[in-house]
Amino acid sequence: MSGAFAYLIAIVVFVIVLNFFMLFMRMKRDRKEKPSRLAILEQEASEHRHKEIQRRLDNEQEDLAYRVEMRNKMFDMYAQVRKNAAELENESGAGN
């Protein structure tokens, strides 16, 4: 009987120690700060703003590239008009 009582006490002590160990491990795991819902929403909003700014910059860059291309074509046309005018002037001056 006393041997069974000693085993029972040993099992109870083991279960109590095991519970404290599990509780300690859970507290240690929960100590790591999880971001709050507000922080998560703020992070998502920040990412959305970043994507929006990136999209605007890309659109602006494409627009500027188009404008530069059109400007260069315009300058080429001006050069062609000047060349044609110079040729006409030479022809009309030589024909007189």
C-alpha atoms as a PDB file:
ATOM      1  CA  MET A   1       0.000   0.000   0.000  1.00  0.00           C
ATOM      2  CA  SER A   2       2.746   2.445   0.870  1.00  0.00           C
ATOM      3  CA  GLY A   3       4.531   1.541  -2.361  1.00  0.00           C
ATOM      4  CA  ALA A   4       1.401   2.315  -4.400  1.00  0.00           C
ATOM      5  CA  PHE A   5       1.016   5.609  -2.538  1.00  0.00           C
ATOM      6  CA  ALA A   6       4.620   6.537  -3.401  1.00  0.00           C
ATOM      7  CA  TYR A   7       3.977   5.732  -7.085  1.00  0.00           C
ATOM      8  CA  LEU A   8       0.804   7.822  -6.991  1.00  0.00           C
ATOM      9  CA  ILE A   9       2.671  10.771  -5.453  1.00  0.00           C
ATOM     10  CA  ALA A  10       5.465  10.370  -8.045  1.00  0.00           C
ATOM     11  CA  ILE A  11       2.941  10.382 -10.906  1.00  0.00           C
ATOM     12  CA  VAL A  12       1.151  13.465  -9.505  1.00  0.00           C
ATOM     13  CA  VAL A  13       4.452  15.297  -9.081  1.00  0.00           C
ATOM     14  CA  PHE A  14       5.497  14.282 -12.610  1.00  0.00           C
ATOM     15  CA  VAL A  15       2.191  15.554 -14.051  1.00  0.00           C
ATOM     16  CA  ILE A  16       2.506  18.848 -12.142  1.00  0.00           C
ATOM     17  CA  VAL A  17       6.103  19.337 -13.307  1.00  0.00           C
ATOM     18  CA  LEU A  18       5.082  18.466 -16.865  1.00  0.00           C
ATOM     19  CA  ASN A  19       2.223  21.000 -16.708  1.00  0.00           C
ATOM     20  CA  PHE A  20       4.583  23.729 -15.476  1.00  0.00           C
ATOM     21  CA  PHE A  21       7.049  22.847 -18.229  1.00  0.00           C
ATOM     22  CA  MET A  22       4.311  23.013 -20.908  1.00  0.00           C
ATOM     23  CA  LEU A  23       3.043  26.286 -19.453  1.00  0.00           C
ATOM     24  CA  PHE A  24       6.562  27.740 -19.480  1.00  0.00           C
ATOM     25  CA  MET A  25       7.102  26.684 -23.099  1.00  0.00           C
ATOM     26  CA  ARG A  26       3.779  28.230 -24.148  1.00  0.00           C
ATOM     27  CA  MET A  27       4.613  31.493 -22.367  1.00  0.00           C
ATOM     28  CA  LYS A  28       8.025  31.523 -24.062  1.00  0.00           C
ATOM     29  CA  ARG A  29       6.406  30.989 -27.474  1.00  0.00           C
ATOM     30  CA  ASP A  30       3.756  33.662 -26.847  1.00  0.00           C
ATOM     31  CA  ARG A  31       6.352  36.223 -25.778  1.00  0.00           C
ATOM     32  CA  LYS A  32       7.277  36.756 -29.398  1.00  0.00           C
ATOM     33  CA  GLU A  33       5.289  39.804 -30.362  1.00  0.00           C
ATOM     34  CA  LYS A  34       2.768  39.227 -33.053  1.00  0.00           C
ATOM     35  CA  PRO A  35       1.920  42.274 -35.120  1.00  0.00           C
ATOM     36  CA  SER A  36      -1.371  43.820 -34.167  1.00  0.00           C
ATOM     37  CA  ARG A  37      -4.241  44.083 -36.606  1.00  0.00           C
ATOM     38  CA  LEU A  38      -3.572  47.806 -36.918  1.00  0.00           C
ATOM     39  CA  ALA A  39       0.079  47.165 -37.806  1.00  0.00           C
ATOM     40  CA  ILE A  40      -0.944  44.601 -40.415  1.00  0.00           C
ATOM     41  CA  LEU A  41      -3.449  47.028 -41.970  1.00  0.00           C
ATOM     42  CA  GLU A  42      -0.828  49.773 -41.958  1.00  0.00           C
ATOM     43  CA  GLN A  43       1.665  47.466 -43.686  1.00  0.00           C
ATOM     44  CA  GLU A  44      -0.888  46.550 -46.353  1.00  0.00           C
ATOM     45  CA  ALA A  45      -1.728  50.229 -46.893  1.00  0.00           C
ATOM     46  CA  SER A  46       1.964  51.020 -47.212  1.00  0.00           C
ATOM     47  CA  GLU A  47       2.417  48.281 -49.812  1.00  0.00           C
ATOM     48  CA  HIS A  48      -0.635  49.548 -51.709  1.00  0.00           C
ATOM     49  CA  ARG A  49       0.744  53.115 -51.717  1.00  0.00           C
ATOM     50  CA  HIS A  50       4.114  51.819 -52.929  1.00  0.00           C
ATOM     51  CA  LYS A  51       2.477  49.930 -55.808  1.00  0.00           C
ATOM     52  CA  GLU A  52       0.381  52.984 -56.714  1.00  0.00           C
ATOM     53  CA  ILE A  53       3.430  55.260 -56.743  1.00  0.00           C
ATOM     54  CA  GLN A  54       5.372  52.710 -58.798  1.00  0.00           C
ATOM     55  CA  ARG A  55       2.497  52.486 -61.296  1.00  0.00           C
ATOM     56  CA  ARG A  56       2.335  56.284 -61.592  1.00  0.00           C
ATOM     57  CA  LEU A  57       6.080  56.509 -62.132  1.00  0.00           C
ATOM     58  CA  ASP A  58       5.952  53.813 -64.807  1.00  0.00           C
ATOM     59  CA  ASN A  59       3.100  55.599 -66.592  1.00  0.00           C
ATOM     60  CA  GLU A  60       4.924  58.915 -66.390  1.00  0.00           C
ATOM     61  CA  GLN A  61       8.094  57.327 -67.729  1.00  0.00           C
ATOM     62  CA  GLU A  62       6.216  55.813 -70.658  1.00  0.00           C
ATOM     63  CA  ASP A  63       4.572  59.176 -71.368  1.00  0.00           C
ATOM     64  CA  LEU A  64       7.914  60.949 -71.286  1.00  0.00           C
ATOM     65  CA  ALA A  65       9.476  58.357 -73.599  1.00  0.00           C
ATOM     66  CA  TYR A  66       6.599  58.897 -76.047  1.00  0.00           C
ATOM     67  CA  ARG A  67       7.050  62.676 -75.875  1.00  0.00           C
ATOM     68  CA  VAL A  68      10.792  62.396 -76.512  1.00  0.00           C
ATOM     69  CA  GLU A  69      10.116  60.121 -79.476  1.00  0.00           C
ATOM     70  CA  MET A  70       7.585  62.584 -80.915  1.00  0.00           C
ATOM     71  CA  ARG A  71       9.961  65.524 -80.334  1.00  0.00           C
ATOM     72  CA  ASN A  72      12.741  63.713 -82.161  1.00  0.00           C
ATOM     73  CA  LYS A  73      10.413  62.950 -85.066  1.00  0.00           C
ATOM     74  CA  MET A  74       9.376  66.616 -85.138  1.00  0.00           C
ATOM     75  CA  PHE A  75      13.018  67.736 -85.254  1.00  0.00           C
ATOM     76  CA  ASP A  76      13.656  65.263 -88.090  1.00  0.00           C
ATOM     77  CA  MET A  77      10.689  66.717 -89.967  1.00  0.00           C
ATOM     78  CA  TYR A  78      11.986  70.266 -89.411  1.00  0.00           C
ATOM     79  CA  ALA A  79      15.374  69.191 -90.736  1.00  0.00           C
ATOM     80  CA  GLN A  80      13.696  67.621 -93.780  1.00  0.00           C
ATOM     81  CA  VAL A  81      11.634  70.793 -94.385  1.00  0.00           C
ATOM     82  CA  ARG A  82      14.769  72.965 -94.141  1.00  0.00           C
ATOM     83  CA  LYS A  83      16.575  70.631 -96.519  1.00  0.00           C
ATOM     84  CA  ASN A  84      13.674  70.751 -98.999  1.00  0.00           C
ATOM     85  CA  ALA A  85      13.495  74.540 -98.711  1.00  0.00           C
ATOM     86  CA  ALA A  86      17.231  74.836 -99.291  1.00  0.00           C
ATOM     87  CA  GLU A  87      16.954  72.595-102.360  1.00  0.00           C
ATOM     88  CA  LEU A  88      14.038  74.643-103.710  1.00  0.00           C
ATOM     89  CA  GLU A  89      15.963  77.846-103.109  1.00  0.00           C
ATOM     90  CA  ASN A  90      18.991  76.446-104.895  1.00  0.00           C
ATOM     91  CA  GLU A  91      16.839  75.290-107.814  1.00  0.00           C
ATOM     92  CA  SER A  92      15.007  78.596-108.086  1.00  0.00           C
ATOM     93  CA  GLY A  93      18.267  80.561-107.699  1.00  0.00           C
ATOM     94  CA  ALA A  94      20.007  78.410-110.313  1.00  0.00           C
ATOM     95  CA  GLY A  95      17.034  78.587-112.651  1.00  0.00           C
ATOM     96  CA  ASN A  96      17.001  82.397-112.738  1.00  0.00           C
END
